[in-house]
């Protein structure tokens, strides 16, 4: 009797596990948003590698970086009420990693729905990636799509920190003739809430090799992130001169109260012998002063030979134009 009871319990448990697995598979397959594995390059037709002659969208720049362009194909099946998107490729993407390249992928949303997110594969070390991946949005009547916006965001994957947005395309589907398959190019525009997410800082640097001296001028900032409850910030800038990663000397500007676009025009001098300059970095932090609590970081810029691409460009230009001040806007970043 005991063995019989064990056998009955085993068969009941096996049946429940099988049923649960079947239900789980059904729930995944029933999603109206999914990627179609595409290895035969069939749907959407062959895409031209060249920009059309009549392509007249402007290039967008952030902090001196060109954001690039995205090519994709859209088609709609009226009988199946399915929108099909093929992400084909991107060109002229900016380098976001200190190695001088990026690891891009595309995030896809059908707004206003922000919960159902799709992504392409990551293309390692590639500023002109080709994906050729297809995505389907099923069960969307044509009238429903006319109230939707296709959102495609290109990001740079970062294994150790937050992925860095490169640019985006927002395409209201009411602006597209879905009666026919269309392959399109669009210029990537600055990501809303990112290019000005923390703000930007205009800096000037000058190195005098004979004197072993770096002069940095904190000129101004713009569109700083508000940190106070009044919708403003009380910014000041703190500069650390570091040697081989160790903090050596600190300078800081005056505080500009209740100002998201402060003008500083304050200069600081650091003594750095020529033999140490390659191992020196300047860590520049924009801070929000708090009279009652702890001062809060708004964003940072790190200038040196091993910083990000735009920072390295500014640093190297300082050497190429020694004894001359070189100014450049920098996007503030969060390294915390």
Protein backbone atom coordinates (compact mmCIF):
# COMPACT_ATOMS: atom_id res chain seq x y z
CA UNK A 1 0.00 0.00 0.00
CA UNK A 2 2.86 2.35 0.80
CA UNK A 3 4.53 1.70 -2.58
CA UNK A 4 1.19 2.22 -4.38
CA UNK A 5 0.75 5.59 -2.67
CA UNK A 6 4.26 6.66 -3.69
CA UNK A 7 3.59 5.71 -7.32
CA UNK A 8 0.34 7.70 -7.40
CA UNK A 9 2.08 10.75 -5.92
CA UNK A 10 4.91 10.44 -8.49
CA UNK A 11 2.50 10.36 -11.46
CA UNK A 12 0.45 13.29 -10.11
CA UNK A 13 3.60 15.37 -9.58
CA UNK A 14 4.90 14.52 -13.09
CA UNK A 15 1.54 15.57 -14.61
CA UNK A 16 1.57 18.90 -12.75
CA UNK A 17 5.16 19.69 -13.80
CA UNK A 18 4.36 18.85 -17.44
CA UNK A 19 1.25 21.02 -17.37
CA UNK A 20 3.12 23.94 -15.80
CA UNK A 21 5.86 23.69 -18.45
CA UNK A 22 3.24 23.70 -21.20
CA UNK A 23 1.51 26.74 -19.76
CA UNK A 24 4.85 28.57 -19.47
CA UNK A 25 5.69 27.92 -23.12
CA UNK A 26 2.29 29.13 -24.20
CA UNK A 27 2.67 32.35 -22.26
CA UNK A 28 5.99 33.10 -23.95
CA UNK A 29 4.76 32.33 -27.45
CA UNK A 30 1.59 34.35 -27.00
CA UNK A 31 3.48 37.64 -26.57
CA UNK A 32 2.64 40.10 -29.37
CA UNK A 33 6.24 41.40 -29.28
CA UNK A 34 9.01 39.01 -30.31
CA UNK A 35 12.17 38.59 -32.34
CA UNK A 36 12.14 36.38 -35.41
CA UNK A 37 15.33 34.39 -35.96
CA UNK A 38 16.45 35.34 -39.44
CA UNK A 39 19.33 33.52 -41.08
CA UNK A 40 18.12 33.37 -44.66
CA UNK A 41 17.88 37.13 -45.27
CA UNK A 42 14.41 36.72 -46.80
CA UNK A 43 11.93 39.17 -45.33
CA UNK A 44 12.10 42.81 -46.32
CA UNK A 45 14.17 42.32 -49.47
CA UNK A 46 17.76 43.29 -50.10
CA UNK A 47 18.77 46.64 -48.69
CA UNK A 48 21.12 49.02 -50.44
CA UNK A 49 24.35 49.76 -48.59
CA UNK A 50 24.33 53.34 -49.82
CA UNK A 51 22.44 56.36 -48.56
CA UNK A 52 19.81 57.53 -51.07
CA UNK A 53 20.76 60.56 -53.15
CA UNK A 54 17.81 62.52 -51.81
CA UNK A 55 18.70 61.89 -48.15
CA UNK A 56 18.56 65.35 -46.63
CA UNK A 57 18.29 64.81 -42.87
CA UNK A 58 20.93 66.77 -40.95
CA UNK A 59 23.65 65.08 -38.93
CA UNK A 60 23.28 65.55 -35.18
CA UNK A 61 26.23 66.24 -32.90
CA UNK A 62 26.64 66.05 -29.11
CA UNK A 63 29.81 67.39 -27.53
CA UNK A 64 31.45 67.48 -30.97
CA UNK A 65 30.55 63.85 -31.69
CA UNK A 66 28.57 62.91 -34.80
CA UNK A 67 25.82 60.50 -33.78
CA UNK A 68 25.49 58.50 -37.01
CA UNK A 69 22.55 57.01 -38.94
CA UNK A 70 20.29 53.96 -38.69
CA UNK A 71 18.86 51.89 -41.56
CA UNK A 72 15.74 49.79 -41.06
CA UNK A 73 12.77 48.29 -42.94
CA UNK A 74 9.08 48.45 -42.03
CA UNK A 75 6.24 46.35 -43.46
CA UNK A 76 2.67 45.60 -42.37
CA UNK A 77 0.52 42.53 -43.02
CA UNK A 78 -3.11 43.68 -43.02
CA UNK A 79 -4.50 40.13 -42.88
CA UNK A 80 -2.31 39.04 -39.98
CA UNK A 81 -2.40 42.52 -38.36
CA UNK A 82 1.35 42.28 -37.82
CA UNK A 83 3.96 45.03 -38.05
CA UNK A 84 7.40 43.72 -39.00
CA UNK A 85 10.57 45.67 -38.31
CA UNK A 86 13.98 44.78 -39.66
CA UNK A 87 16.94 46.55 -38.02
CA UNK A 88 19.51 46.49 -40.82
CA UNK A 89 22.56 48.52 -39.90
CA UNK A 90 24.04 51.75 -38.52
CA UNK A 91 26.89 53.89 -39.86
CA UNK A 92 29.26 56.52 -38.48
CA UNK A 93 28.51 55.82 -34.81
CA UNK A 94 30.65 57.72 -32.27
CA UNK A 95 33.29 55.96 -30.22
CA UNK A 96 32.13 55.69 -26.61
CA UNK A 97 34.90 53.50 -25.19
CA UNK A 98 38.44 54.57 -24.40
CA UNK A 99 39.62 51.99 -26.98
CA UNK A 100 38.24 54.28 -29.70
CA UNK A 101 35.26 52.11 -30.59
CA UNK A 102 31.79 51.09 -29.30
CA UNK A 103 29.74 47.95 -28.60
CA UNK A 104 26.37 49.01 -30.05
CA UNK A 105 22.94 47.45 -29.89
CA UNK A 106 19.41 48.74 -30.57
CA UNK A 107 16.56 48.93 -28.06
CA UNK A 108 13.06 48.95 -29.57
CA UNK A 109 9.75 50.16 -28.11
CA UNK A 110 6.31 50.75 -29.58
CA UNK A 111 5.27 53.81 -27.61
CA UNK A 112 3.38 54.66 -25.48
CA UNK A 113 4.00 51.09 -24.22
CA UNK A 114 7.31 51.16 -22.33
CA UNK A 115 7.06 47.72 -20.71
CA UNK A 116 7.48 45.53 -23.81
CA UNK A 117 11.10 46.07 -24.84
CA UNK A 118 13.04 44.31 -27.58
CA UNK A 119 16.77 44.47 -28.28
CA UNK A 120 19.17 43.42 -31.02
CA UNK A 121 22.38 41.55 -30.44
CA UNK A 122 25.45 43.50 -29.35
CA UNK A 123 28.07 44.13 -32.04
CA UNK A 124 31.48 44.28 -30.40
CA UNK A 125 33.98 46.99 -31.33
CA UNK A 126 32.04 48.23 -34.32
CA UNK A 127 31.17 51.78 -35.40
CA UNK A 128 29.38 50.56 -38.55
CA UNK A 129 27.43 47.54 -37.25
CA UNK A 130 25.19 45.31 -39.38
CA UNK A 131 22.41 43.48 -37.51
CA UNK A 132 19.84 42.36 -40.09
CA UNK A 133 17.48 41.22 -37.31
CA UNK A 134 13.68 41.05 -37.60
CA UNK A 135 11.05 41.84 -34.97
CA UNK A 136 7.29 41.28 -35.12
CA UNK A 137 4.50 43.20 -33.38
CA UNK A 138 1.42 40.98 -33.70
CA UNK A 139 -2.25 41.73 -33.23
CA UNK A 140 -2.09 45.45 -33.98
CA UNK A 141 -4.95 46.68 -36.13
CA UNK A 142 -3.96 49.40 -38.59
CA UNK A 143 -6.09 51.99 -36.77
CA UNK A 144 -4.31 51.15 -33.52
CA UNK A 145 -0.87 51.58 -35.08
CA UNK A 146 -1.78 55.07 -36.22
CA UNK A 147 -1.60 56.10 -32.55
CA UNK A 148 1.76 54.45 -31.92
CA UNK A 149 5.34 55.68 -32.26
CA UNK A 150 8.21 53.37 -33.15
CA UNK A 151 11.16 54.17 -30.89
CA UNK A 152 14.65 52.88 -31.66
CA UNK A 153 17.56 53.76 -29.39
CA UNK A 154 21.16 52.85 -30.18
CA UNK A 155 23.23 52.22 -27.04
CA UNK A 156 26.82 51.32 -26.27
CA UNK A 157 26.99 48.23 -24.06
CA UNK A 158 29.22 48.54 -21.00
CA UNK A 159 29.96 45.45 -18.93
CA UNK A 160 30.98 47.36 -15.81
CA UNK A 161 28.62 50.34 -15.72
CA UNK A 162 25.40 51.70 -17.14
CA UNK A 163 25.02 51.37 -20.92
CA UNK A 164 25.67 54.66 -22.68
CA UNK A 165 22.95 55.96 -25.05
CA UNK A 166 24.30 57.02 -28.44
CA UNK A 167 21.22 58.31 -30.26
CA UNK A 168 17.58 57.64 -31.05
CA UNK A 169 14.95 57.60 -33.78
CA UNK A 170 11.30 58.42 -32.98
CA UNK A 171 8.97 57.55 -35.86
CA UNK A 172 5.21 58.20 -35.54
CA UNK A 173 3.64 55.40 -37.58
CA UNK A 174 0.92 57.77 -38.80
CA UNK A 175 3.68 59.44 -40.87
CA UNK A 176 4.51 56.18 -42.70
CA UNK A 177 2.66 54.52 -45.60
CA UNK A 178 2.42 50.99 -44.23
CA UNK A 179 0.67 49.72 -47.36
CA UNK A 180 4.08 48.94 -48.83
CA UNK A 181 7.38 47.69 -47.44
CA UNK A 182 9.84 50.54 -46.97
CA UNK A 183 13.56 50.62 -46.26
CA UNK A 184 14.58 53.88 -44.61
CA UNK A 185 17.59 55.77 -43.27
CA UNK A 186 17.23 58.11 -40.30
CA UNK A 187 19.80 60.30 -38.57
CA UNK A 188 20.23 59.49 -34.90
CA UNK A 189 19.21 62.44 -32.75
CA UNK A 190 20.40 63.14 -29.19
CA UNK A 191 18.62 60.96 -26.64
CA UNK A 192 16.08 63.02 -24.73
CA UNK A 193 16.98 63.21 -21.07
CA UNK A 194 20.52 62.02 -21.76
CA UNK A 195 22.50 64.61 -23.72
CA UNK A 196 21.35 67.11 -21.12
CA UNK A 197 20.73 64.54 -18.41
CA UNK A 198 23.53 65.84 -16.18
CA UNK A 199 24.59 68.82 -18.25
CA UNK A 200 27.70 69.95 -20.10
CA UNK A 201 30.85 71.78 -19.04
CA UNK A 202 33.06 74.08 -21.14
CA UNK A 203 36.74 73.79 -20.22
CA UNK A 204 39.97 75.29 -21.51
CA UNK A 205 43.34 73.65 -20.87
CA UNK A 206 46.88 74.76 -21.67
CA UNK A 207 50.22 73.06 -20.98
CA UNK A 208 53.57 74.84 -20.89
CA UNK A 209 56.29 72.16 -21.08
CA UNK A 210 59.18 74.49 -20.23
CA UNK A 211 57.48 75.62 -17.02
CA UNK A 212 55.89 72.25 -16.24
CA UNK A 213 52.53 73.88 -15.72
CA UNK A 214 48.91 73.08 -16.65
CA UNK A 215 46.37 75.90 -16.65
CA UNK A 216 42.72 74.88 -16.62
CA UNK A 217 39.90 77.41 -17.02
CA UNK A 218 36.42 76.47 -15.86
CA UNK A 219 34.47 78.62 -18.30
CA UNK A 220 30.79 77.74 -17.91
CA UNK A 221 28.22 74.97 -17.70
CA UNK A 222 24.83 74.52 -19.29
CA UNK A 223 21.64 72.55 -18.67
CA UNK A 224 22.83 71.17 -15.34
CA UNK A 225 20.59 68.69 -13.60
CA UNK A 226 18.46 70.24 -10.85
CA UNK A 227 19.30 68.80 -7.44
CA UNK A 228 17.23 70.98 -5.13
CA UNK A 229 13.50 70.90 -4.41
CA UNK A 230 13.15 74.37 -5.95
CA UNK A 231 14.08 72.90 -9.35
CA UNK A 232 17.54 74.48 -9.34
CA UNK A 233 21.08 73.77 -8.14
CA UNK A 234 23.87 75.69 -6.42
CA UNK A 235 26.79 74.50 -8.54
CA UNK A 236 30.51 74.81 -8.07
CA UNK A 237 33.37 72.91 -9.73
CA UNK A 238 36.03 70.89 -7.93
CA UNK A 239 39.26 69.93 -9.74
CA UNK A 240 41.62 67.22 -8.51
CA UNK A 241 45.04 66.81 -10.09
CA UNK A 242 45.92 63.11 -9.88
CA UNK A 243 49.22 61.31 -10.47
CA UNK A 244 49.08 57.57 -11.26
CA UNK A 245 45.52 57.53 -9.94
CA UNK A 246 46.35 59.17 -6.60
CA UNK A 247 44.87 62.56 -5.68
CA UNK A 248 47.61 65.16 -5.28
CA UNK A 249 46.13 68.66 -5.30
CA UNK A 250 42.61 70.16 -5.24
CA UNK A 251 41.14 73.46 -6.46
CA UNK A 252 37.53 74.66 -6.56
CA UNK A 253 35.47 77.49 -7.97
CA UNK A 254 33.04 79.79 -6.24
CA UNK A 255 29.42 78.69 -5.79
CA UNK A 256 26.79 79.96 -8.23
CA UNK A 257 23.51 79.90 -6.34
CA UNK A 258 20.23 78.84 -7.99
CA UNK A 259 21.73 78.48 -11.44
CA UNK A 260 21.56 75.65 -14.00
CA UNK A 261 23.62 77.57 -16.58
CA UNK A 262 26.42 79.09 -14.48
CA UNK A 263 29.33 81.14 -15.84
CA UNK A 264 32.54 80.72 -13.83
CA UNK A 265 35.52 81.96 -15.87
CA UNK A 266 37.92 80.84 -13.15
CA UNK A 267 41.42 79.53 -13.85
CA UNK A 268 43.68 77.23 -11.85
CA UNK A 269 47.33 76.28 -12.26
CA UNK A 270 48.85 72.88 -11.45
CA UNK A 271 52.59 72.24 -11.51
CA UNK A 272 53.27 69.07 -13.49
CA UNK A 273 56.82 68.31 -14.69
CA UNK A 274 57.01 67.12 -18.28
CA UNK A 275 58.20 63.64 -17.23
CA UNK A 276 54.99 63.20 -15.17
CA UNK A 277 52.45 64.60 -17.61
CA UNK A 278 51.58 61.26 -19.25
CA UNK A 279 50.65 59.78 -15.87
CA UNK A 280 48.62 62.81 -14.81
CA UNK A 281 44.84 63.19 -14.98
CA UNK A 282 42.47 65.99 -14.08
CA UNK A 283 39.27 64.88 -12.36
CA UNK A 284 36.67 67.65 -12.69
CA UNK A 285 33.46 67.35 -10.67
CA UNK A 286 30.45 69.65 -10.86
CA UNK A 287 28.90 69.69 -7.39
CA UNK A 288 25.66 71.01 -5.90
CA UNK A 289 26.34 72.91 -2.69
CA UNK A 290 24.06 72.05 0.21
CA UNK A 291 24.14 74.34 3.24
CA UNK A 292 22.50 71.85 5.59
CA UNK A 293 23.55 68.46 4.23
CA UNK A 294 26.23 66.83 2.17
CA UNK A 295 27.22 68.39 -1.16
CA UNK A 296 25.91 66.29 -4.04
CA UNK A 297 27.68 65.30 -7.25
CA UNK A 298 25.99 66.46 -10.48
CA UNK A 299 28.48 65.00 -12.96
CA UNK A 300 32.14 64.52 -13.81
CA UNK A 301 34.72 64.89 -16.57
CA UNK A 302 38.08 63.11 -16.43
CA UNK A 303 40.84 64.47 -18.67
CA UNK A 304 43.85 62.33 -19.37
CA UNK A 305 45.55 60.02 -21.86
CA UNK A 306 43.28 57.07 -20.93
CA UNK A 307 39.90 58.79 -20.61
CA UNK A 308 36.94 58.61 -23.02
CA UNK A 309 37.40 59.41 -26.73
CA UNK A 310 36.37 63.07 -26.55
CA UNK A 311 38.36 63.66 -23.38
CA UNK A 312 41.47 62.05 -24.90
CA UNK A 313 40.98 64.18 -28.02
CA UNK A 314 40.98 67.36 -25.89
CA UNK A 315 43.98 66.15 -23.88
CA UNK A 316 46.02 65.33 -26.99
CA UNK A 317 45.11 68.62 -28.61
CA UNK A 318 46.55 70.35 -25.56
CA UNK A 319 49.94 68.77 -26.39
CA UNK A 320 49.64 69.48 -30.10
CA UNK A 321 49.01 73.16 -29.33
CA UNK A 322 51.32 73.61 -26.36
CA UNK A 323 51.30 77.07 -24.78
CA UNK A 324 47.91 77.73 -26.38
CA UNK A 325 44.58 77.39 -24.52
CA UNK A 326 42.30 74.76 -26.08
CA UNK A 327 38.58 74.91 -25.22
CA UNK A 328 35.99 72.15 -25.61
CA UNK A 329 32.53 71.26 -24.34
CA UNK A 330 32.28 67.99 -22.36
CA UNK A 331 29.23 65.94 -21.46
CA UNK A 332 29.06 65.34 -17.71
CA UNK A 333 29.05 61.68 -16.75
CA UNK A 334 28.20 59.64 -13.69
CA UNK A 335 31.09 57.37 -12.69
CA UNK A 336 29.58 56.35 -9.37
